[in-house]
Amino acid sequence: MTMRFGLRRFPVVTAVVFAVTGLSNALQFLVPGMLARLERAPAGLHGDWWRTGTALFVQDGGVAGTLSNLAFLVVAGAVAEQVTSRPRWLLGYFGTALAGEFTGYAWQPYGGGNSIAICGLAGVVAVALWRGDVRLPPYAPVVLLIWCGALAADLWYPLVTIGVAASVLANVAADRGVPVARWAVAGALLTGAAMTVAENIHGAALLTGIAIAALLAGGRSGTVRGPAACQGPGEQPAYDQDGRGTGGPPVAGVAGQVQEPGGGEQVEQHGQGKGGAPADHQDHRRGEYGERDHQGAHQVDQSVHGHGGDPASGTAGRSATCRRSSAISRART
């Protein structure tokens, strides 16, 4: 079921938060005065402290606003849960909401809804897009852009068409192989900045959500794509939360060898050629490489003494040489 929607795991936290929020929203329409007692109001800073939290579980946008927020909670929450841990999901959701509520006391003292919390999930998606996280479903940029359009509609309703149009263009560009992830992030940053200038709490919430997501992501390497051949000695390939490697395909060959792009011949680092070329020819090649080093070619040589390592895992014993493809191509000529 989850794979049908491009999800790697079932969004448990999203489902729980959706159920609790949906139930409280339904009660709001059944219990008279519930919105007035639980929404954000100046009294939240003067005794009614619970309003800062309960305002997330009531909606001031009527039936349409309630259904819209619940729908975006499901979609953005499910996407965000693919690329972050569940504790971080909760921290992004409620941390952004808390910052949005206190901003609301200054800019929009009355109101309720979980849209500011969804901005935290949008922040998680934006950071994952910027980092090129392979666990994102392909429609993630579309989700982010449509959400930005929905937020902009809070300033002026026709602005929602900008988000819809941008999402359609992003989808078309992606189908043609044009990278759109970082353009979608740029759109989110622009939306957040414009709405903050207009003193709308959704702008501050969106920027806060992106900032929190970036801090929580930190320097983790589990989202980085690319070949694992340039990992340092003793480093293990990066893995995502599901245990799958994200560092690219394993390096072919045995310890101390480099497989050149295109499946060409292999050159052993310590003097023996493989693939039909004589060893003295390989020595001549290495001399060429050394000369190119002095000429300023960007090359990184990493050597680990011994040949007893496991070539598949990249553990100790592997002698790896990571060279730019341009330098290798010139050497082959």
C-alpha atoms as a PDB file:
ATOM      1  CA  MET A   1       0.000   0.000   0.000  1.00  0.00           C
ATOM      2  CA  THR A   2       2.759   2.454   0.963  1.00  0.00           C
ATOM      3  CA  MET A   3       4.872   1.586  -2.097  1.00  0.00           C
ATOM      4  CA  ARG A   4       1.938   2.526  -4.316  1.00  0.00           C
ATOM      5  CA  PHE A   5       2.382   6.117  -3.120  1.00  0.00           C
ATOM      6  CA  GLY A   6       6.173   6.053  -3.273  1.00  0.00           C
ATOM      7  CA  LEU A   7       6.573   5.591   0.488  1.00  0.00           C
ATOM      8  CA  ARG A   8       9.201   3.300   1.976  1.00  0.00           C
ATOM      9  CA  ARG A   9       7.460   2.852   5.317  1.00  0.00           C
ATOM     10  CA  PHE A  10       4.036   3.400   6.788  1.00  0.00           C
ATOM     11  CA  PRO A  11       3.737   6.908   8.352  1.00  0.00           C
ATOM     12  CA  VAL A  12       2.742   5.847  11.866  1.00  0.00           C
ATOM     13  CA  VAL A  13       3.276   9.202  13.593  1.00  0.00           C
ATOM     14  CA  THR A  14       1.409  11.027  10.843  1.00  0.00           C
ATOM     15  CA  ALA A  15      -1.541   8.665  11.236  1.00  0.00           C
ATOM     16  CA  VAL A  16      -1.675   9.138  15.023  1.00  0.00           C
ATOM     17  CA  VAL A  17      -1.450  12.936  14.870  1.00  0.00           C
ATOM     18  CA  PHE A  18      -4.048  12.979  12.091  1.00  0.00           C
ATOM     19  CA  ALA A  19      -6.443  10.850  14.153  1.00  0.00           C
ATOM     20  CA  VAL A  20      -6.116  13.030  17.259  1.00  0.00           C
ATOM     21  CA  THR A  21      -6.398  16.286  15.298  1.00  0.00           C
ATOM     22  CA  GLY A  22      -9.300  15.037  13.194  1.00  0.00           C
ATOM     23  CA  LEU A  23     -11.232  13.890  16.265  1.00  0.00           C
ATOM     24  CA  SER A  24     -10.802  17.213  18.042  1.00  0.00           C
ATOM     25  CA  ASN A  25     -11.793  19.076  14.885  1.00  0.00           C
ATOM     26  CA  ALA A  26     -14.969  17.014  14.618  1.00  0.00           C
ATOM     27  CA  LEU A  27     -15.815  17.729  18.264  1.00  0.00           C
ATOM     28  CA  GLN A  28     -15.312  21.417  17.583  1.00  0.00           C
ATOM     29  CA  PHE A  29     -18.299  21.391  15.233  1.00  0.00           C
ATOM     30  CA  LEU A  30     -20.391  19.413  17.697  1.00  0.00           C
ATOM     31  CA  VAL A  31     -19.594  21.236  20.939  1.00  0.00           C
ATOM     32  CA  PRO A  32     -20.708  24.889  20.972  1.00  0.00           C
ATOM     33  CA  GLY A  33     -18.072  27.339  22.214  1.00  0.00           C
ATOM     34  CA  MET A  34     -15.193  24.855  21.983  1.00  0.00           C
ATOM     35  CA  LEU A  35     -13.278  26.994  19.464  1.00  0.00           C
ATOM     36  CA  ALA A  36     -13.596  30.125  21.608  1.00  0.00           C
ATOM     37  CA  ARG A  37     -12.315  28.288  24.705  1.00  0.00           C
ATOM     38  CA  LEU A  38      -9.323  26.615  23.029  1.00  0.00           C
ATOM     39  CA  GLU A  39      -8.101  28.965  20.295  1.00  0.00           C
ATOM     40  CA  ARG A  40      -5.142  31.313  20.602  1.00  0.00           C
ATOM     41  CA  ALA A  41      -6.122  34.533  22.356  1.00  0.00           C
ATOM     42  CA  PRO A  42      -4.387  37.208  24.452  1.00  0.00           C
ATOM     43  CA  ALA A  43      -5.671  35.372  27.529  1.00  0.00           C
ATOM     44  CA  GLY A  44      -3.126  32.664  26.672  1.00  0.00           C
ATOM     45  CA  LEU A  45      -0.439  34.967  28.031  1.00  0.00           C
ATOM     46  CA  HIS A  46      -2.486  35.928  31.076  1.00  0.00           C
ATOM     47  CA  GLY A  47      -3.593  32.758  32.795  1.00  0.00           C
ATOM     48  CA  ASP A  48      -5.092  30.573  30.025  1.00  0.00           C
ATOM     49  CA  TRP A  49      -1.700  29.007  29.305  1.00  0.00           C
ATOM     50  CA  TRP A  50      -3.237  25.912  27.691  1.00  0.00           C
ATOM     51  CA  ARG A  51      -4.382  27.924  24.680  1.00  0.00           C
ATOM     52  CA  THR A  52      -0.849  27.890  23.267  1.00  0.00           C
ATOM     53  CA  GLY A  53      -1.143  24.139  22.824  1.00  0.00           C
ATOM     54  CA  THR A  54      -4.853  23.574  22.319  1.00  0.00           C
ATOM     55  CA  ALA A  55      -4.986  26.105  19.468  1.00  0.00           C
ATOM     56  CA  LEU A  56      -3.360  23.418  17.298  1.00  0.00           C
ATOM     57  CA  PHE A  57      -6.362  21.115  17.693  1.00  0.00           C
ATOM     58  CA  VAL A  58      -9.132  23.497  16.674  1.00  0.00           C
ATOM     59  CA  GLN A  59      -9.630  25.202  13.320  1.00  0.00           C
ATOM     60  CA  ASP A  60     -10.762  28.760  12.672  1.00  0.00           C
ATOM     61  CA  GLY A  61     -11.173  28.272   8.927  1.00  0.00           C
ATOM     62  CA  GLY A  62     -14.501  26.481   8.948  1.00  0.00           C
ATOM     63  CA  VAL A  63     -15.123  23.172   7.201  1.00  0.00           C
ATOM     64  CA  ALA A  64     -13.041  24.048   4.125  1.00  0.00           C
ATOM     65  CA  GLY A  65     -10.044  25.142   6.177  1.00  0.00           C
ATOM     66  CA  THR A  66     -10.310  22.061   8.382  1.00  0.00           C
ATOM     67  CA  LEU A  67     -10.379  19.630   5.471  1.00  0.00           C
ATOM     68  CA  SER A  68      -7.512  21.441   3.764  1.00  0.00           C
ATOM     69  CA  ASN A  69      -5.275  21.342   6.834  1.00  0.00           C
ATOM     70  CA  LEU A  70      -6.035  17.688   7.495  1.00  0.00           C
ATOM     71  CA  ALA A  71      -5.267  16.773   3.897  1.00  0.00           C
ATOM     72  CA  PHE A  72      -1.927  18.584   3.956  1.00  0.00           C
ATOM     73  CA  LEU A  73      -1.119  16.990   7.310  1.00  0.00           C
ATOM     74  CA  VAL A  74      -1.498  13.541   5.761  1.00  0.00           C
ATOM     75  CA  VAL A  75       0.504  14.285   2.614  1.00  0.00           C
ATOM     76  CA  ALA A  76       3.296  16.451   4.032  1.00  0.00           C
ATOM     77  CA  GLY A  77       3.499  14.329   7.169  1.00  0.00           C
ATOM     78  CA  ALA A  78       3.832  11.073   5.248  1.00  0.00           C
ATOM     79  CA  VAL A  79       6.541  12.506   2.992  1.00  0.00           C
ATOM     80  CA  ALA A  80       8.472  13.990   5.929  1.00  0.00           C
ATOM     81  CA  GLU A  81       8.312  10.719   7.837  1.00  0.00           C
ATOM     82  CA  GLN A  82      10.234   8.992   5.036  1.00  0.00           C
ATOM     83  CA  VAL A  83      13.322  11.144   5.541  1.00  0.00           C
ATOM     84  CA  THR A  84      13.498  11.813   9.262  1.00  0.00           C
ATOM     85  CA  SER A  85      13.141   9.857  12.477  1.00  0.00           C
ATOM     86  CA  ARG A  86       9.824   9.916  14.292  1.00  0.00           C
ATOM     87  CA  PRO A  87      11.133  11.880  17.299  1.00  0.00           C
ATOM     88  CA  ARG A  88      12.508  14.501  14.907  1.00  0.00           C
ATOM     89  CA  TRP A  89       9.172  14.535  13.079  1.00  0.00           C
ATOM     90  CA  LEU A  90       7.419  15.376  16.352  1.00  0.00           C
ATOM     91  CA  LEU A  91      10.024  17.970  17.266  1.00  0.00           C
ATOM     92  CA  GLY A  92       9.699  19.662  13.893  1.00  0.00           C
ATOM     93  CA  TYR A  93       5.901  19.614  14.019  1.00  0.00           C
ATOM     94  CA  PHE A  94       5.324  20.820  17.575  1.00  0.00           C
ATOM     95  CA  GLY A  95       8.494  22.933  17.810  1.00  0.00           C
ATOM     96  CA  THR A  96       7.493  24.952  14.770  1.00  0.00           C
ATOM     97  CA  ALA A  97       3.926  25.210  16.080  1.00  0.00           C
ATOM     98  CA  LEU A  98       5.127  26.588  19.406  1.00  0.00           C
ATOM     99  CA  ALA A  99       7.227  29.245  17.682  1.00  0.00           C
ATOM    100  CA  GLY A 100       4.272  30.083  15.432  1.00  0.00           C
ATOM    101  CA  GLU A 101       1.886  30.447  18.349  1.00  0.00           C
ATOM    102  CA  PHE A 102       4.115  32.931  20.164  1.00  0.00           C
ATOM    103  CA  THR A 103       4.587  34.856  16.930  1.00  0.00           C
ATOM    104  CA  GLY A 104       0.813  34.822  16.602  1.00  0.00           C
ATOM    105  CA  TYR A 105       0.360  36.519  19.953  1.00  0.00           C
ATOM    106  CA  ALA A 106       2.193  39.510  18.454  1.00  0.00           C
ATOM    107  CA  TRP A 107       0.854  39.502  14.875  1.00  0.00           C
ATOM    108  CA  GLN A 108      -2.458  37.613  14.925  1.00  0.00           C
ATOM    109  CA  PRO A 109      -3.559  37.266  18.556  1.00  0.00           C
ATOM    110  CA  TYR A 110      -6.763  35.350  17.779  1.00  0.00           C
ATOM    111  CA  GLY A 111      -6.895  32.115  15.814  1.00  0.00           C
ATOM    112  CA  GLY A 112      -6.500  28.375  15.741  1.00  0.00           C
ATOM    113  CA  GLY A 113      -5.365  25.624  13.430  1.00  0.00           C
ATOM    114  CA  ASN A 114      -2.492  23.244  12.747  1.00  0.00           C
ATOM    115  CA  SER A 115      -1.292  24.977   9.579  1.00  0.00           C
ATOM    116  CA  ILE A 116       1.693  26.482  11.416  1.00  0.00           C
ATOM    117  CA  ALA A 117       2.664  22.986  12.568  1.00  0.00           C
ATOM    118  CA  ILE A 118       2.434  21.684   8.993  1.00  0.00           C
ATOM    119  CA  CYS A 119       4.990  24.364   8.123  1.00  0.00           C
ATOM    120  CA  GLY A 120       7.403  22.355  10.257  1.00  0.00           C
ATOM    121  CA  LEU A 121       6.776  19.288   8.083  1.00  0.00           C
ATOM    122  CA  ALA A 122       7.196  21.416   4.955  1.00  0.00           C
ATOM    123  CA  GLY A 123      10.547  22.476   6.396  1.00  0.00           C
ATOM    124  CA  VAL A 124      11.619  18.832   6.704  1.00  0.00           C
ATOM    125  CA  VAL A 125      10.648  18.211   3.078  1.00  0.00           C
ATOM    126  CA  ALA A 126      12.456  21.367   1.921  1.00  0.00           C
ATOM    127  CA  VAL A 127      15.718  20.425   3.633  1.00  0.00           C
ATOM    128  CA  ALA A 128      15.516  16.874   2.279  1.00  0.00           C
ATOM    129  CA  LEU A 129      14.982  18.240  -1.238  1.00  0.00           C
ATOM    130  CA  TRP A 130      17.957  20.550  -0.896  1.00  0.00           C
ATOM    131  CA  ARG A 131      20.168  17.685   0.277  1.00  0.00           C
ATOM    132  CA  GLY A 132      19.003  15.398  -2.525  1.00  0.00           C
ATOM    133  CA  ASP A 133      17.588  12.747  -0.230  1.00  0.00           C
ATOM    134  CA  VAL A 134      16.913   9.592  -2.264  1.00  0.00           C
ATOM    135  CA  ARG A 135      14.172   8.476   0.125  1.00  0.00           C
ATOM    136  CA  LEU A 136      11.802  11.237  -0.988  1.00  0.00           C
ATOM    137  CA  PRO A 137       8.929  10.232  -3.253  1.00  0.00           C
ATOM    138  CA  PRO A 138       9.101  11.861  -6.696  1.00  0.00           C
ATOM    139  CA  TYR A 139       6.163  14.158  -6.016  1.00  0.00           C
ATOM    140  CA  ALA A 140       7.809  15.868  -3.010  1.00  0.00           C
ATOM    141  CA  PRO A 141       8.552  19.157  -4.864  1.00  0.00           C
ATOM    142  CA  VAL A 142       4.919  19.338  -5.977  1.00  0.00           C
ATOM    143  CA  VAL A 143       3.708  18.901  -2.396  1.00  0.00           C
ATOM    144  CA  LEU A 144       5.979  21.696  -1.179  1.00  0.00           C
ATOM    145  CA  LEU A 145       4.942  24.132  -3.912  1.00  0.00           C
ATOM    146  CA  ILE A 146       1.215  23.506  -3.503  1.00  0.00           C
ATOM    147  CA  TRP A 147       1.554  24.057   0.231  1.00  0.00           C
ATOM    148  CA  CYS A 148       3.323  27.360  -0.416  1.00  0.00           C
ATOM    149  CA  GLY A 149       0.447  28.377  -2.674  1.00  0.00           C
ATOM    150  CA  ALA A 150      -2.065  27.481   0.027  1.00  0.00           C
ATOM    151  CA  LEU A 151      -0.156  29.618   2.530  1.00  0.00           C
ATOM    152  CA  ALA A 152       0.030  32.554   0.118  1.00  0.00           C
ATOM    153  CA  ALA A 153      -3.751  32.381  -0.252  1.00  0.00           C
ATOM    154  CA  ASP A 154      -3.957  33.544   3.353  1.00  0.00           C
ATOM    155  CA  LEU A 155      -2.658  36.900   2.114  1.00  0.00           C
ATOM    156  CA  TRP A 156      -4.771  37.041  -1.026  1.00  0.00           C
ATOM    157  CA  TYR A 157      -6.812  34.080  -2.201  1.00  0.00           C
ATOM    158  CA  PRO A 158      -5.910  34.249  -5.938  1.00  0.00           C
ATOM    159  CA  LEU A 159      -2.260  33.692  -4.979  1.00  0.00           C
ATOM    160  CA  VAL A 160      -3.048  30.010  -4.584  1.00  0.00           C
ATOM    161  CA  THR A 161      -2.948  29.773  -8.374  1.00  0.00           C
ATOM    162  CA  ILE A 162       0.765  30.612  -8.295  1.00  0.00           C
ATOM    163  CA  GLY A 163       1.470  27.567  -6.176  1.00  0.00           C
ATOM    164  CA  VAL A 164      -0.657  25.335  -8.369  1.00  0.00           C
ATOM    165  CA  ALA A 165       0.966  26.650 -11.565  1.00  0.00           C
ATOM    166  CA  ALA A 166       4.448  26.230 -10.096  1.00  0.00           C
ATOM    167  CA  SER A 167       3.680  22.653  -9.068  1.00  0.00           C
ATOM    168  CA  VAL A 168       2.434  21.814 -12.572  1.00  0.00           C
ATOM    169  CA  LEU A 169       5.573  23.289 -14.146  1.00  0.00           C
ATOM    170  CA  ALA A 170       7.747  21.395 -11.673  1.00  0.00           C
ATOM    171  CA  ASN A 171       6.002  18.152 -12.544  1.00  0.00           C
ATOM    172  CA  VAL A 172       6.467  18.719 -16.274  1.00  0.00           C
ATOM    173  CA  ALA A 173      10.122  19.675 -15.824  1.00  0.00           C
ATOM    174  CA  ALA A 174      10.779  16.611 -13.671  1.00  0.00           C
ATOM    175  CA  ASP A 175       9.247  14.358 -16.333  1.00  0.00           C
ATOM    176  CA  ARG A 176      11.746  15.812 -18.811  1.00  0.00           C
ATOM    177  CA  GLY A 177      14.684  15.231 -16.489  1.00  0.00           C
ATOM    178  CA  VAL A 178      15.126  18.845 -15.384  1.00  0.00           C
ATOM    179  CA  PRO A 179      16.177  19.170 -11.695  1.00  0.00           C
ATOM    180  CA  VAL A 180      13.488  21.031  -9.778  1.00  0.00           C
ATOM    181  CA  ALA A 181      14.171  20.166  -6.130  1.00  0.00           C
ATOM    182  CA  ARG A 182      16.181  23.237  -5.213  1.00  0.00           C
ATOM    183  CA  TRP A 183      13.864  25.508  -7.190  1.00  0.00           C
ATOM    184  CA  ALA A 184      11.019  24.252  -5.011  1.00  0.00           C
ATOM    185  CA  VAL A 185      13.070  25.044  -1.903  1.00  0.00           C
ATOM    186  CA  ALA A 186      13.761  28.525  -3.255  1.00  0.00           C
ATOM    187  CA  GLY A 187      10.019  28.977  -3.710  1.00  0.00           C
ATOM    188  CA  ALA A 188       9.417  27.969  -0.100  1.00  0.00           C
ATOM    189  CA  LEU A 189      12.033  30.417   1.175  1.00  0.00           C
ATOM    190  CA  LEU A 190      10.563  33.206  -0.947  1.00  0.00           C
ATOM    191  CA  THR A 191       7.057  32.432   0.328  1.00  0.00           C
ATOM    192  CA  GLY A 192       8.243  32.414   3.934  1.00  0.00           C
ATOM    193  CA  ALA A 193      10.123  35.692   3.558  1.00  0.00           C
ATOM    194  CA  ALA A 194       7.223  37.476   1.816  1.00  0.00           C
ATOM    195  CA  MET A 195       4.687  36.369   4.399  1.00  0.00           C
ATOM    196  CA  THR A 196       7.014  37.309   7.254  1.00  0.00           C
ATOM    197  CA  VAL A 197       7.364  40.802   5.831  1.00  0.00           C
ATOM    198  CA  ALA A 198       3.557  40.938   5.745  1.00  0.00           C
ATOM    199  CA  GLU A 199       3.552  39.884   9.438  1.00  0.00           C
ATOM    200  CA  ASN A 200       1.645  36.704   8.705  1.00  0.00           C
ATOM    201  CA  ILE A 201       2.438  33.933  11.183  1.00  0.00           C
ATOM    202  CA  HIS A 202       2.675  31.319   8.435  1.00  0.00           C
ATOM    203  CA  GLY A 203       5.735  33.032   7.010  1.00  0.00           C
ATOM    204  CA  ALA A 204       7.563  32.946  10.326  1.00  0.00           C
ATOM    205  CA  ALA A 205       6.423  29.352  10.869  1.00  0.00           C
ATOM    206  CA  LEU A 206       7.688  28.223   7.452  1.00  0.00           C
ATOM    207  CA  LEU A 207      11.105  29.801   7.947  1.00  0.00           C
ATOM    208  CA  THR A 208      11.281  28.378  11.465  1.00  0.00           C
ATOM    209  CA  GLY A 209      10.348  24.933  10.181  1.00  0.00           C
ATOM    210  CA  ILE A 210      13.129  25.014   7.600  1.00  0.00           C
ATOM    211  CA  ALA A 211      15.630  26.202  10.211  1.00  0.00           C
ATOM    212  CA  ILE A 212      14.663  23.479  12.709  1.00  0.00           C
ATOM    213  CA  ALA A 213      14.829  20.794  10.014  1.00  0.00           C
ATOM    214  CA  ALA A 214      18.273  21.996   8.923  1.00  0.00           C
ATOM    215  CA  LEU A 215      19.556  21.923  12.499  1.00  0.00           C
ATOM    216  CA  LEU A 216      18.153  18.448  13.093  1.00  0.00           C
ATOM    217  CA  ALA A 217      19.628  17.167   9.826  1.00  0.00           C
ATOM    218  CA  GLY A 218      23.032  18.536  10.766  1.00  0.00           C
ATOM    219  CA  GLY A 219      25.927  16.767   9.089  1.00  0.00           C
ATOM    220  CA  ARG A 220      24.295  13.359   8.755  1.00  0.00           C
ATOM    221  CA  SER A 221      25.534  11.582   5.669  1.00  0.00           C
ATOM    222  CA  GLY A 222      22.599   9.221   5.253  1.00  0.00           C
ATOM    223  CA  THR A 223      20.976  11.480   2.704  1.00  0.00           C
ATOM    224  CA  VAL A 224      23.978  12.031   0.481  1.00  0.00           C
ATOM    225  CA  ARG A 225      23.973  10.431  -2.933  1.00  0.00           C
ATOM    226  CA  GLY A 226      26.964   9.543  -5.045  1.00  0.00           C
ATOM    227  CA  PRO A 227      29.673   6.905  -5.409  1.00  0.00           C
ATOM    228  CA  ALA A 228      31.195   5.439  -2.288  1.00  0.00           C
ATOM    229  CA  ALA A 229      34.613   5.070  -3.869  1.00  0.00           C
ATOM    230  CA  CYS A 230      35.927   8.295  -2.359  1.00  0.00           C
ATOM    231  CA  GLN A 231      35.285   7.411   1.272  1.00  0.00           C
ATOM    232  CA  GLY A 232      38.240   7.795   3.572  1.00  0.00           C
ATOM    233  CA  PRO A 233      40.170   4.901   5.107  1.00  0.00           C
ATOM    234  CA  GLY A 234      38.101   2.949   7.570  1.00  0.00           C
ATOM    235  CA  GLU A 235      34.877   4.784   6.707  1.00  0.00           C
ATOM    236  CA  GLN A 236      31.743   2.739   6.239  1.00  0.00           C
ATOM    237  CA  PRO A 237      29.190   3.449   3.507  1.00  0.00           C
ATOM    238  CA  ALA A 238      26.328   5.724   4.542  1.00  0.00           C
ATOM    239  CA  TYR A 239      23.023   4.055   5.316  1.00  0.00           C
ATOM    240  CA  ASP A 240      19.558   5.458   5.569  1.00  0.00           C
ATOM    241  CA  GLN A 241      17.160   4.703   8.416  1.00  0.00           C
ATOM    242  CA  ASP A 242      15.956   1.534   6.756  1.00  0.00           C
ATOM    243  CA  GLY A 243      19.449   0.074   6.547  1.00  0.00           C
ATOM    244  CA  ARG A 244      19.915   0.581   2.822  1.00  0.00           C
ATOM    245  CA  GLY A 245      23.166   2.026   1.584  1.00  0.00           C
ATOM    246  CA  THR A 246      22.918   5.477   0.054  1.00  0.00           C
ATOM    247  CA  GLY A 247      26.508   5.882  -0.940  1.00  0.00           C
ATOM    248  CA  GLY A 248      26.147   4.381  -4.406  1.00  0.00           C
ATOM    249  CA  PRO A 249      27.211   1.035  -5.840  1.00  0.00           C
ATOM    250  CA  PRO A 250      30.158  -0.822  -4.298  1.00  0.00           C
ATOM    251  CA  VAL A 251      33.526  -0.450  -5.938  1.00  0.00           C
ATOM    252  CA  ALA A 252      34.298  -3.327  -8.271  1.00  0.00           C
ATOM    253  CA  GLY A 253      37.612  -5.170  -8.193  1.00  0.00           C
ATOM    254  CA  VAL A 254      39.992  -6.324  -5.485  1.00  0.00           C
ATOM    255  CA  ALA A 255      41.854  -4.474  -2.786  1.00  0.00           C
ATOM    256  CA  GLY A 256      44.242  -1.884  -4.135  1.00  0.00           C
ATOM    257  CA  GLN A 257      42.489  -1.522  -7.486  1.00  0.00           C
ATOM    258  CA  VAL A 258      40.517   1.252  -9.125  1.00  0.00           C
ATOM    259  CA  GLN A 259      37.794   0.508 -11.636  1.00  0.00           C
ATOM    260  CA  GLU A 260      37.829   3.244 -14.238  1.00  0.00           C
ATOM    261  CA  PRO A 261      34.509   4.639 -15.505  1.00  0.00           C
ATOM    262  CA  GLY A 262      32.922   2.779 -18.357  1.00  0.00           C
ATOM    263  CA  GLY A 263      34.074  -0.664 -17.234  1.00  0.00           C
ATOM    264  CA  GLY A 264      37.610  -0.172 -18.614  1.00  0.00           C
ATOM    265  CA  GLU A 265      40.794  -1.769 -17.435  1.00  0.00           C
ATOM    266  CA  GLN A 266      41.786  -1.858 -13.766  1.00  0.00           C
ATOM    267  CA  VAL A 267      45.070  -0.491 -12.464  1.00  0.00           C
ATOM    268  CA  GLU A 268      46.528  -1.853  -9.255  1.00  0.00           C
ATOM    269  CA  GLN A 269      48.039   0.865  -7.152  1.00  0.00           C
ATOM    270  CA  HIS A 270      51.229  -0.918  -6.150  1.00  0.00           C
ATOM    271  CA  GLY A 271      52.629  -1.786  -9.547  1.00  0.00           C
ATOM    272  CA  GLN A 272      50.773  -4.673 -11.188  1.00  0.00           C
ATOM    273  CA  GLY A 273      48.500  -4.036 -14.136  1.00  0.00           C
ATOM    274  CA  LYS A 274      45.248  -5.830 -14.816  1.00  0.00           C
ATOM    275  CA  GLY A 275      43.093  -6.000 -17.887  1.00  0.00           C
ATOM    276  CA  GLY A 276      45.746  -6.785 -20.503  1.00  0.00           C
ATOM    277  CA  ALA A 277      48.122  -3.837 -20.086  1.00  0.00           C
ATOM    278  CA  PRO A 278      51.761  -4.667 -19.127  1.00  0.00           C
ATOM    279  CA  ALA A 279      52.952  -3.718 -15.666  1.00  0.00           C
ATOM    280  CA  ASP A 280      55.626  -1.342 -17.001  1.00  0.00           C
ATOM    281  CA  HIS A 281      52.884   0.496 -18.915  1.00  0.00           C
ATOM    282  CA  GLN A 282      50.996   0.890 -15.637  1.00  0.00           C
ATOM    283  CA  ASP A 283      54.159   2.277 -14.004  1.00  0.00           C
ATOM    284  CA  HIS A 284      54.404   4.768 -16.851  1.00  0.00           C
ATOM    285  CA  ARG A 285      50.778   5.728 -16.207  1.00  0.00           C
ATOM    286  CA  ARG A 286      51.433   6.342 -12.559  1.00  0.00           C
ATOM    287  CA  GLY A 287      54.339   8.571 -13.566  1.00  0.00           C
ATOM    288  CA  GLU A 288      51.949  10.549 -15.725  1.00  0.00           C
ATOM    289  CA  TYR A 289      49.552  10.876 -12.821  1.00  0.00           C
ATOM    290  CA  GLY A 290      52.335  12.137 -10.560  1.00  0.00           C
ATOM    291  CA  GLU A 291      53.342  14.715 -13.146  1.00  0.00           C
ATOM    292  CA  ARG A 292      49.750  15.877 -13.460  1.00  0.00           C
ATOM    293  CA  ASP A 293      49.607  16.279  -9.682  1.00  0.00           C
ATOM    294  CA  HIS A 294      52.369  18.874  -9.965  1.00  0.00           C
ATOM    295  CA  GLN A 295      50.423  20.576 -12.730  1.00  0.00           C
ATOM    296  CA  GLY A 296      47.495  21.194 -10.368  1.00  0.00           C
ATOM    297  CA  ALA A 297      45.032  18.412 -11.298  1.00  0.00           C
ATOM    298  CA  HIS A 298      42.600  17.757  -8.470  1.00  0.00           C
ATOM    299  CA  GLN A 299      43.361  14.217  -7.383  1.00  0.00           C
ATOM    300  CA  VAL A 300      43.023  12.489  -4.021  1.00  0.00           C
ATOM    301  CA  ASP A 301      45.110   9.416  -3.242  1.00  0.00           C
ATOM    302  CA  GLN A 302      44.269   7.332  -0.202  1.00  0.00           C
ATOM    303  CA  SER A 303      46.311   4.259   0.666  1.00  0.00           C
ATOM    304  CA  VAL A 304      45.898   1.693   3.428  1.00  0.00           C
ATOM    305  CA  HIS A 305      48.840  -0.693   4.001  1.00  0.00           C
ATOM    306  CA  GLY A 306      48.139  -4.359   3.365  1.00  0.00           C
ATOM    307  CA  HIS A 307      45.882  -6.301   1.021  1.00  0.00           C
ATOM    308  CA  GLY A 308      43.788  -8.295   3.469  1.00  0.00           C
ATOM    309  CA  GLY A 309      40.652  -6.187   3.522  1.00  0.00           C
ATOM    310  CA  ASP A 310      37.237  -7.022   2.299  1.00  0.00           C
ATOM    311  CA  PRO A 311      36.770  -5.314  -1.104  1.00  0.00           C
ATOM    312  CA  ALA A 312      32.964  -5.268  -0.908  1.00  0.00           C
ATOM    313  CA  SER A 313      32.758  -3.461   2.414  1.00  0.00           C
ATOM    314  CA  GLY A 314      35.581  -1.004   1.915  1.00  0.00           C
ATOM    315  CA  THR A 315      37.183  -1.901   5.297  1.00  0.00           C
ATOM    316  CA  ALA A 316      40.877  -1.753   6.271  1.00  0.00           C
ATOM    317  CA  GLY A 317      43.165  -3.273   3.705  1.00  0.00           C
ATOM    318  CA  ARG A 318      41.650  -1.499   0.732  1.00  0.00           C
ATOM    319  CA  SER A 319      43.889   0.832  -1.263  1.00  0.00           C
ATOM    320  CA  ALA A 320      41.623   3.351  -2.962  1.00  0.00           C
ATOM    321  CA  THR A 321      42.525   6.005  -5.510  1.00  0.00           C
ATOM    322  CA  CYS A 322      39.850   8.594  -6.231  1.00  0.00           C
ATOM    323  CA  ARG A 323      40.595  10.646  -9.306  1.00  0.00           C
ATOM    324  CA  ARG A 324      38.515  13.089 -11.295  1.00  0.00           C
ATOM    325  CA  SER A 325      37.164  11.511 -14.433  1.00  0.00           C
ATOM    326  CA  SER A 326      38.832  14.189 -16.545  1.00  0.00           C
ATOM    327  CA  ALA A 327      42.282  13.263 -15.262  1.00  0.00           C
ATOM    328  CA  ILE A 328      41.635   9.557 -15.857  1.00  0.00           C
ATOM    329  CA  SER A 329      40.395  10.231 -19.386  1.00  0.00           C
ATOM    330  CA  ARG A 330      43.503  12.221 -20.223  1.00  0.00           C
ATOM    331  CA  ALA A 331      45.731   9.460 -18.799  1.00  0.00           C
ATOM    332  CA  ARG A 332      44.030   6.808 -20.890  1.00  0.00           C
ATOM    333  CA  THR A 333      44.938   8.675 -24.053  1.00  0.00           C
END
